[in-house]
Amino acid sequence: MKKSLFWLLALVLSPVAVLVVITPMDSQKQYIFGLLSIGILFLMGFSKRRSVSVIMVVTSLLMSTRYMYFRLTQTLHFNSSIEAILGMGLFLAEVYIWVMLLLSLIHISEPTRLGMISYAVFCLKKKKKKTNVSYTHLTLQLSNSSKHLGQTHMAEDASDLL
């Protein structure tokens, strides 16, 4: 039931997402859109619920896709071949970054093997704690020995003065 509701909601909201991505905006409207989106994401960041994190991922994806659409439709007009080569190289680098962002957002929204990783970290911390305890005990013994030796040397020096 939950999965079907999710897919129905995704189907209904996908035209809204497309509209957000392809609607042309002048620079003032773009600034307002960006500031509102960042403000909403900031306020939502205080919640630890999973649904909020999914909404944040979708909003981030929409904003970055909107930028990529803008770059593709508005700024890739070249006057010379060197401009075309350098401009396409820059655009391909931005596409690569967008794909990496998409993959990281997918990983954030659907973490993998979380239980196994948590158990492994727990085991490493437990092992490290045992090592630190024995090291602390050894340090304590050494510091007590050095204090004892220091008191002996101080007593010998005092007897030399008399």
N, C-alpha and C. Protein backbone atom coordinates (compact mmCIF):
# COMPACT_ATOMS: atom_id res chain seq x y z
N MET A 1 0.82 -1.19 0.00
CA MET A 1 0.00 0.00 0.00
C MET A 1 0.86 1.26 0.00
N LYS A 2 1.92 1.26 0.83
CA LYS A 2 2.78 2.43 0.91
C LYS A 2 3.51 2.68 -0.40
N LYS A 3 3.98 1.61 -1.03
CA LYS A 3 4.70 1.76 -2.29
C LYS A 3 3.80 2.30 -3.39
N SER A 4 2.58 1.82 -3.46
CA SER A 4 1.67 2.32 -4.50
C SER A 4 1.33 3.80 -4.26
N LEU A 5 1.18 4.18 -2.99
CA LEU A 5 0.93 5.58 -2.67
C LEU A 5 2.13 6.44 -3.05
N PHE A 6 3.32 5.94 -2.80
CA PHE A 6 4.54 6.66 -3.17
C PHE A 6 4.61 6.88 -4.68
N TRP A 7 4.37 5.83 -5.46
CA TRP A 7 4.45 5.96 -6.91
C TRP A 7 3.34 6.83 -7.47
N LEU A 8 2.18 6.79 -6.86
CA LEU A 8 1.08 7.68 -7.28
C LEU A 8 1.45 9.14 -7.01
N LEU A 9 2.01 9.40 -5.85
CA LEU A 9 2.45 10.75 -5.51
C LEU A 9 3.56 11.22 -6.45
N ALA A 10 4.50 10.34 -6.76
CA ALA A 10 5.58 10.68 -7.69
C ALA A 10 5.02 10.98 -9.08
N LEU A 11 4.03 10.22 -9.51
CA LEU A 11 3.42 10.44 -10.82
C LEU A 11 2.68 11.78 -10.87
N VAL A 12 1.99 12.11 -9.80
CA VAL A 12 1.24 13.36 -9.75
C VAL A 12 2.18 14.57 -9.68
N LEU A 13 3.27 14.44 -8.92
CA LEU A 13 4.18 15.57 -8.74
C LEU A 13 5.24 15.71 -9.83
N SER A 14 5.38 14.73 -10.70
CA SER A 14 6.39 14.83 -11.76
C SER A 14 6.13 15.98 -12.73
N PRO A 15 4.88 16.28 -13.13
CA PRO A 15 4.68 17.48 -13.97
C PRO A 15 5.08 18.78 -13.26
N VAL A 16 4.86 18.83 -11.95
CA VAL A 16 5.28 20.01 -11.18
C VAL A 16 6.80 20.13 -11.20
N ALA A 17 7.48 19.00 -11.07
CA ALA A 17 8.94 19.01 -11.10
C ALA A 17 9.45 19.46 -12.46
N VAL A 18 8.84 18.97 -13.53
CA VAL A 18 9.23 19.39 -14.88
C VAL A 18 8.98 20.89 -15.05
N LEU A 19 7.87 21.37 -14.54
CA LEU A 19 7.55 22.80 -14.61
C LEU A 19 8.58 23.64 -13.85
N VAL A 20 9.01 23.17 -12.70
CA VAL A 20 10.03 23.89 -11.93
C VAL A 20 11.34 23.93 -12.70
N VAL A 21 11.68 22.86 -13.38
CA VAL A 21 12.95 22.79 -14.09
C VAL A 21 12.95 23.66 -15.34
N ILE A 22 11.88 23.64 -16.13
CA ILE A 22 11.93 24.29 -17.45
C ILE A 22 11.32 25.69 -17.50
N THR A 23 10.74 26.19 -16.43
CA THR A 23 10.16 27.53 -16.45
C THR A 23 11.27 28.57 -16.54
N PRO A 24 11.21 29.43 -17.57
CA PRO A 24 12.24 30.47 -17.68
C PRO A 24 12.04 31.55 -16.61
N MET A 25 13.13 31.98 -16.00
CA MET A 25 13.08 33.03 -14.98
C MET A 25 14.19 34.03 -15.26
N ASP A 26 13.89 35.31 -15.02
CA ASP A 26 14.96 36.30 -15.09
C ASP A 26 15.82 36.18 -13.84
N SER A 27 16.88 36.95 -13.76
CA SER A 27 17.83 36.78 -12.66
C SER A 27 17.20 37.09 -11.30
N GLN A 28 16.32 38.08 -11.22
CA GLN A 28 15.69 38.41 -9.94
C GLN A 28 14.81 37.26 -9.44
N LYS A 29 14.00 36.69 -10.31
CA LYS A 29 13.15 35.56 -9.93
C LYS A 29 14.00 34.33 -9.58
N GLN A 30 15.10 34.16 -10.29
CA GLN A 30 15.99 33.05 -10.01
C GLN A 30 16.62 33.19 -8.62
N TYR A 31 17.04 34.41 -8.25
CA TYR A 31 17.58 34.65 -6.91
C TYR A 31 16.53 34.36 -5.84
N ILE A 32 15.31 34.82 -6.06
CA ILE A 32 14.23 34.58 -5.09
C ILE A 32 13.97 33.09 -4.95
N PHE A 33 13.90 32.39 -6.09
CA PHE A 33 13.68 30.94 -6.07
C PHE A 33 14.80 30.23 -5.31
N GLY A 34 16.05 30.61 -5.59
CA GLY A 34 17.19 29.99 -4.91
C GLY A 34 17.21 30.26 -3.42
N LEU A 35 16.96 31.50 -3.03
CA LEU A 35 16.96 31.84 -1.60
C LEU A 35 15.82 31.16 -0.85
N LEU A 36 14.64 31.11 -1.47
CA LEU A 36 13.52 30.40 -0.83
C LEU A 36 13.83 28.91 -0.69
N SER A 37 14.39 28.32 -1.72
CA SER A 37 14.72 26.90 -1.65
C SER A 37 15.76 26.62 -0.57
N ILE A 38 16.79 27.45 -0.51
CA ILE A 38 17.83 27.26 0.51
C ILE A 38 17.25 27.47 1.90
N GLY A 39 16.38 28.48 2.06
CA GLY A 39 15.74 28.73 3.36
C GLY A 39 14.88 27.55 3.79
N ILE A 40 14.10 27.01 2.88
CA ILE A 40 13.26 25.85 3.19
C ILE A 40 14.12 24.64 3.56
N LEU A 41 15.18 24.42 2.80
CA LEU A 41 16.08 23.30 3.11
C LEU A 41 16.73 23.49 4.47
N PHE A 42 17.11 24.72 4.79
CA PHE A 42 17.73 24.98 6.09
C PHE A 42 16.77 24.69 7.23
N LEU A 43 15.53 25.15 7.10
CA LEU A 43 14.54 24.91 8.15
C LEU A 43 14.20 23.43 8.28
N MET A 44 14.15 22.73 7.15
CA MET A 44 13.84 21.31 7.19
C MET A 44 15.00 20.50 7.75
N GLY A 45 16.21 21.04 7.72
CA GLY A 45 17.38 20.32 8.20
C GLY A 45 17.35 20.03 9.69
N PHE A 46 16.53 20.74 10.44
CA PHE A 46 16.45 20.50 11.89
C PHE A 46 15.67 19.24 12.23
N SER A 47 14.88 18.73 11.29
CA SER A 47 14.10 17.52 11.54
C SER A 47 14.94 16.29 11.21
N LYS A 48 14.76 15.23 11.96
CA LYS A 48 15.51 13.99 11.73
C LYS A 48 14.65 12.91 11.08
N ARG A 49 13.46 13.27 10.63
CA ARG A 49 12.58 12.26 10.01
C ARG A 49 13.07 11.90 8.62
N ARG A 50 12.85 10.66 8.24
CA ARG A 50 13.28 10.17 6.93
C ARG A 50 12.55 10.86 5.80
N SER A 51 11.26 11.14 5.96
CA SER A 51 10.51 11.79 4.89
C SER A 51 11.06 13.18 4.60
N VAL A 52 11.53 13.87 5.61
CA VAL A 52 12.11 15.20 5.41
C VAL A 52 13.42 15.09 4.63
N SER A 53 14.22 14.09 4.93
CA SER A 53 15.47 13.93 4.18
C SER A 53 15.19 13.59 2.72
N VAL A 54 14.16 12.83 2.45
CA VAL A 54 13.81 12.52 1.06
C VAL A 54 13.35 13.79 0.34
N ILE A 55 12.57 14.63 1.02
CA ILE A 55 12.13 15.90 0.42
C ILE A 55 13.34 16.79 0.14
N MET A 56 14.30 16.80 1.06
CA MET A 56 15.52 17.60 0.84
C MET A 56 16.32 17.09 -0.35
N VAL A 57 16.39 15.79 -0.51
CA VAL A 57 17.10 15.20 -1.65
C VAL A 57 16.41 15.59 -2.96
N VAL A 58 15.09 15.50 -2.99
CA VAL A 58 14.34 15.84 -4.20
C VAL A 58 14.50 17.33 -4.53
N THR A 59 14.45 18.19 -3.52
CA THR A 59 14.63 19.62 -3.74
C THR A 59 16.02 19.92 -4.27
N SER A 60 17.02 19.30 -3.71
CA SER A 60 18.39 19.49 -4.19
C SER A 60 18.53 19.01 -5.64
N LEU A 61 17.93 17.89 -5.94
CA LEU A 61 17.96 17.37 -7.31
C LEU A 61 17.25 18.32 -8.28
N LEU A 62 16.11 18.87 -7.86
CA LEU A 62 15.39 19.81 -8.73
C LEU A 62 16.21 21.07 -8.99
N MET A 63 16.84 21.59 -7.96
CA MET A 63 17.64 22.81 -8.13
C MET A 63 18.83 22.57 -9.05
N SER A 64 19.52 21.47 -8.87
CA SER A 64 20.69 21.19 -9.72
C SER A 64 20.26 20.86 -11.15
N THR A 65 19.13 20.18 -11.32
CA THR A 65 18.64 19.88 -12.67
C THR A 65 18.20 21.16 -13.37
N ARG A 66 17.61 22.07 -12.60
CA ARG A 66 17.22 23.37 -13.17
C ARG A 66 18.46 24.11 -13.68
N TYR A 67 19.54 24.08 -12.91
CA TYR A 67 20.77 24.73 -13.36
C TYR A 67 21.31 24.07 -14.63
N MET A 68 21.31 22.75 -14.68
CA MET A 68 21.82 22.05 -15.86
C MET A 68 20.96 22.37 -17.10
N TYR A 69 19.65 22.46 -16.92
CA TYR A 69 18.77 22.82 -18.04
C TYR A 69 19.07 24.24 -18.51
N PHE A 70 19.27 25.16 -17.56
CA PHE A 70 19.61 26.53 -17.90
C PHE A 70 20.92 26.58 -18.67
N ARG A 71 21.93 25.83 -18.21
CA ARG A 71 23.22 25.81 -18.91
C ARG A 71 23.07 25.28 -20.32
N LEU A 72 22.26 24.24 -20.47
CA LEU A 72 22.10 23.62 -21.78
C LEU A 72 21.34 24.53 -22.75
N THR A 73 20.32 25.22 -22.28
CA THR A 73 19.48 26.00 -23.19
C THR A 73 19.90 27.46 -23.33
N GLN A 74 20.59 28.04 -22.37
CA GLN A 74 20.86 29.47 -22.40
C GLN A 74 22.32 29.84 -22.67
N THR A 75 23.26 29.04 -22.29
CA THR A 75 24.66 29.49 -22.30
C THR A 75 25.57 28.75 -23.27
N LEU A 76 25.07 27.79 -23.98
CA LEU A 76 25.96 27.04 -24.88
C LEU A 76 25.86 27.55 -26.32
N HIS A 77 26.14 28.84 -26.51
CA HIS A 77 26.18 29.46 -27.83
C HIS A 77 27.60 29.97 -28.04
N PHE A 78 28.27 29.45 -29.07
CA PHE A 78 29.68 29.74 -29.25
C PHE A 78 29.92 30.48 -30.56
N ASN A 79 30.95 31.36 -30.56
CA ASN A 79 31.29 32.14 -31.75
C ASN A 79 32.49 31.59 -32.49
N SER A 80 33.33 30.82 -31.84
CA SER A 80 34.51 30.26 -32.50
C SER A 80 34.70 28.81 -32.07
N SER A 81 35.59 28.15 -32.78
CA SER A 81 35.80 26.73 -32.47
C SER A 81 36.49 26.54 -31.11
N ILE A 82 37.39 27.44 -30.74
CA ILE A 82 38.04 27.31 -29.44
C ILE A 82 37.03 27.52 -28.31
N GLU A 83 36.10 28.45 -28.49
CA GLU A 83 35.03 28.63 -27.50
C GLU A 83 34.17 27.38 -27.40
N ALA A 84 33.90 26.76 -28.53
CA ALA A 84 33.07 25.54 -28.54
C ALA A 84 33.79 24.40 -27.81
N ILE A 85 35.07 24.23 -28.06
CA ILE A 85 35.83 23.15 -27.42
C ILE A 85 35.89 23.36 -25.91
N LEU A 86 36.27 24.56 -25.50
CA LEU A 86 36.39 24.84 -24.07
C LEU A 86 35.02 24.84 -23.38
N GLY A 87 34.02 25.41 -24.05
CA GLY A 87 32.67 25.45 -23.48
C GLY A 87 32.07 24.07 -23.31
N MET A 88 32.26 23.21 -24.32
CA MET A 88 31.74 21.84 -24.21
C MET A 88 32.50 21.04 -23.15
N GLY A 89 33.82 21.30 -23.04
CA GLY A 89 34.59 20.63 -21.98
C GLY A 89 34.07 21.01 -20.60
N LEU A 90 33.79 22.31 -20.41
CA LEU A 90 33.24 22.77 -19.13
C LEU A 90 31.86 22.17 -18.89
N PHE A 91 31.04 22.14 -19.93
CA PHE A 91 29.70 21.57 -19.78
C PHE A 91 29.76 20.08 -19.45
N LEU A 92 30.65 19.34 -20.09
CA LEU A 92 30.79 17.91 -19.78
C LEU A 92 31.27 17.70 -18.34
N ALA A 93 32.14 18.59 -17.85
CA ALA A 93 32.56 18.50 -16.45
C ALA A 93 31.38 18.75 -15.52
N GLU A 94 30.51 19.70 -15.87
CA GLU A 94 29.32 19.96 -15.06
C GLU A 94 28.33 18.80 -15.11
N VAL A 95 28.23 18.15 -16.26
CA VAL A 95 27.37 16.97 -16.36
C VAL A 95 27.91 15.85 -15.46
N TYR A 96 29.23 15.68 -15.46
CA TYR A 96 29.85 14.68 -14.59
C TYR A 96 29.55 14.98 -13.13
N ILE A 97 29.68 16.24 -12.73
CA ILE A 97 29.40 16.63 -11.34
C ILE A 97 27.93 16.38 -11.02
N TRP A 98 27.05 16.67 -11.96
CA TRP A 98 25.61 16.45 -11.73
C TRP A 98 25.32 14.97 -11.54
N VAL A 99 25.95 14.12 -12.32
CA VAL A 99 25.76 12.67 -12.18
C VAL A 99 26.28 12.19 -10.82
N MET A 100 27.44 12.70 -10.40
CA MET A 100 27.99 12.32 -9.09
C MET A 100 27.05 12.80 -7.97
N LEU A 101 26.48 13.99 -8.11
CA LEU A 101 25.52 14.49 -7.13
C LEU A 101 24.29 13.59 -7.09
N LEU A 102 23.82 13.19 -8.24
CA LEU A 102 22.65 12.31 -8.32
C LEU A 102 22.94 10.98 -7.62
N LEU A 103 24.09 10.40 -7.88
CA LEU A 103 24.44 9.13 -7.24
C LEU A 103 24.60 9.29 -5.72
N SER A 104 25.19 10.40 -5.28
CA SER A 104 25.34 10.60 -3.84
C SER A 104 23.98 10.84 -3.18
N LEU A 105 23.08 11.53 -3.87
CA LEU A 105 21.73 11.74 -3.31
C LEU A 105 20.97 10.42 -3.21
N ILE A 106 21.15 9.55 -4.18
CA ILE A 106 20.53 8.23 -4.11
C ILE A 106 21.09 7.46 -2.92
N HIS A 107 22.40 7.55 -2.73
CA HIS A 107 23.03 6.84 -1.61
C HIS A 107 22.56 7.41 -0.27
N ILE A 108 22.39 8.72 -0.19
CA ILE A 108 21.91 9.34 1.05
C ILE A 108 20.49 8.89 1.36
N SER A 109 19.65 8.84 0.34
CA SER A 109 18.25 8.50 0.59
C SER A 109 18.05 7.00 0.82
N GLU A 110 18.92 6.16 0.28
CA GLU A 110 18.82 4.71 0.45
C GLU A 110 20.17 4.15 0.88
N PRO A 111 20.56 4.30 2.14
CA PRO A 111 21.87 3.79 2.57
C PRO A 111 21.92 2.27 2.48
N THR A 112 23.11 1.75 2.21
CA THR A 112 23.27 0.31 2.04
C THR A 112 24.03 -0.29 3.21
N ARG A 113 23.68 -1.49 3.60
CA ARG A 113 24.36 -2.28 4.63
C ARG A 113 24.66 -1.51 5.90
N LEU A 114 23.72 -0.71 6.34
CA LEU A 114 23.94 0.13 7.50
C LEU A 114 24.18 -0.69 8.76
N GLY A 115 23.46 -1.78 8.93
CA GLY A 115 23.62 -2.61 10.11
C GLY A 115 24.99 -3.26 10.17
N MET A 116 25.48 -3.78 9.05
CA MET A 116 26.78 -4.43 9.02
C MET A 116 27.89 -3.41 9.29
N ILE A 117 27.76 -2.21 8.73
CA ILE A 117 28.78 -1.19 8.94
C ILE A 117 28.79 -0.77 10.40
N SER A 118 27.62 -0.60 10.98
CA SER A 118 27.53 -0.20 12.38
C SER A 118 28.18 -1.25 13.28
N TYR A 119 27.95 -2.53 12.99
CA TYR A 119 28.54 -3.59 13.79
C TYR A 119 30.06 -3.58 13.65
N ALA A 120 30.56 -3.36 12.43
CA ALA A 120 32.00 -3.32 12.21
C ALA A 120 32.63 -2.15 12.97
N VAL A 121 31.99 -1.00 12.95
CA VAL A 121 32.51 0.16 13.69
C VAL A 121 32.49 -0.13 15.18
N PHE A 122 31.43 -0.79 15.67
CA PHE A 122 31.35 -1.15 17.08
C PHE A 122 32.51 -2.06 17.48
N CYS A 123 32.80 -3.06 16.63
CA CYS A 123 33.90 -3.98 16.93
C CYS A 123 35.24 -3.25 16.94
N LEU A 124 35.45 -2.32 15.99
CA LEU A 124 36.70 -1.58 15.96
C LEU A 124 36.84 -0.70 17.20
N LYS A 125 35.75 -0.05 17.61
CA LYS A 125 35.81 0.78 18.81
C LYS A 125 36.10 -0.06 20.05
N LYS A 126 35.49 -1.25 20.12
CA LYS A 126 35.70 -2.13 21.26
C LYS A 126 37.16 -2.57 21.32
N LYS A 127 37.73 -2.91 20.18
CA LYS A 127 39.12 -3.33 20.11
C LYS A 127 40.04 -2.18 20.50
N LYS A 128 39.74 -0.99 20.00
CA LYS A 128 40.56 0.18 20.30
C LYS A 128 40.48 0.52 21.79
N LYS A 129 39.30 0.36 22.38
CA LYS A 129 39.14 0.66 23.79
C LYS A 129 40.00 -0.27 24.65
N LYS A 130 40.05 -1.55 24.30
CA LYS A 130 40.89 -2.50 25.04
C LYS A 130 42.35 -2.10 24.93
N THR A 131 42.79 -1.70 23.75
CA THR A 131 44.17 -1.29 23.55
C THR A 131 44.49 -0.05 24.36
N ASN A 132 43.59 0.91 24.38
CA ASN A 132 43.82 2.15 25.13
C ASN A 132 43.86 1.90 26.63
N VAL A 133 43.06 0.97 27.12
CA VAL A 133 43.05 0.68 28.55
C VAL A 133 44.40 0.13 28.97
N SER A 134 44.94 -0.83 28.21
CA SER A 134 46.23 -1.41 28.59
C SER A 134 47.33 -0.36 28.45
N TYR A 135 47.26 0.50 27.47
CA TYR A 135 48.25 1.55 27.29
C TYR A 135 48.17 2.55 28.45
N THR A 136 46.97 2.89 28.87
CA THR A 136 46.78 3.81 29.99
C THR A 136 47.34 3.20 31.27
N HIS A 137 47.09 1.91 31.48
CA HIS A 137 47.60 1.23 32.66
C HIS A 137 49.13 1.24 32.66
N LEU A 138 49.75 0.99 31.50
CA LEU A 138 51.20 0.99 31.38
C LEU A 138 51.74 2.39 31.64
N THR A 139 51.10 3.41 31.12
CA THR A 139 51.53 4.79 31.34
C THR A 139 51.44 5.14 32.81
N LEU A 140 50.36 4.70 33.46
CA LEU A 140 50.20 4.98 34.88
C LEU A 140 51.32 4.32 35.68
N GLN A 141 51.68 3.08 35.35
CA GLN A 141 52.77 2.40 36.05
C GLN A 141 54.09 3.13 35.83
N LEU A 142 54.34 3.56 34.59
CA LEU A 142 55.58 4.26 34.29
C LEU A 142 55.65 5.60 35.02
N SER A 143 54.53 6.31 35.06
CA SER A 143 54.54 7.60 35.74
C SER A 143 54.76 7.43 37.24
N ASN A 144 54.19 6.38 37.84
CA ASN A 144 54.42 6.13 39.27
C ASN A 144 55.88 5.78 39.52
N SER A 145 56.49 5.01 38.63
CA SER A 145 57.90 4.64 38.78
C SER A 145 58.77 5.88 38.68
N SER A 146 58.48 6.75 37.74
CA SER A 146 59.30 7.95 37.57
C SER A 146 59.14 8.88 38.76
N LYS A 147 57.96 8.95 39.34
CA LYS A 147 57.77 9.77 40.54
C LYS A 147 58.61 9.22 41.69
N HIS A 148 58.60 7.89 41.83
CA HIS A 148 59.39 7.26 42.89
C HIS A 148 60.88 7.54 42.69
N LEU A 149 61.34 7.40 41.42
CA LEU A 149 62.75 7.67 41.13
C LEU A 149 63.08 9.13 41.38
N GLY A 150 62.18 10.01 41.01
CA GLY A 150 62.42 11.43 41.22
C GLY A 150 62.53 11.77 42.69
N GLN A 151 61.73 11.15 43.54
CA GLN A 151 61.80 11.41 44.98
C GLN A 151 63.11 10.88 45.56
N THR A 152 63.59 9.75 45.06
CA THR A 152 64.85 9.19 45.53
C THR A 152 66.00 10.13 45.19
N HIS A 153 66.02 10.65 43.93
CA HIS A 153 67.08 11.56 43.53
C HIS A 153 67.03 12.86 44.33
N MET A 154 65.84 13.34 44.63
CA MET A 154 65.69 14.57 45.42
C MET A 154 66.22 14.35 46.83
N ALA A 155 65.96 13.19 47.41
CA ALA A 155 66.45 12.90 48.77
C ALA A 155 67.97 12.83 48.78
N GLU A 156 68.59 12.20 47.75
CA GLU A 156 70.04 12.13 47.68
C GLU A 156 70.65 13.51 47.53
N ASP A 157 70.02 14.37 46.69
CA ASP A 157 70.52 15.73 46.52
C ASP A 157 70.43 16.52 47.83
N ALA A 158 69.38 16.33 48.59
CA ALA A 158 69.22 17.05 49.87
C ALA A 158 70.25 16.60 50.87
N SER A 159 70.61 15.30 50.87
CA SER A 159 71.63 14.82 51.82
C SER A 159 73.01 15.33 51.46
N ASP A 160 73.24 15.57 50.13
CA ASP A 160 74.52 16.13 49.70
C ASP A 160 74.70 17.55 50.20
N LEU A 161 73.59 18.28 50.27
CA LEU A 161 73.66 19.67 50.71
C LEU A 161 73.96 19.79 52.19
N LEU A 162 73.56 18.80 52.97
CA LEU A 162 73.77 18.85 54.43
C LEU A 162 75.16 18.46 54.71
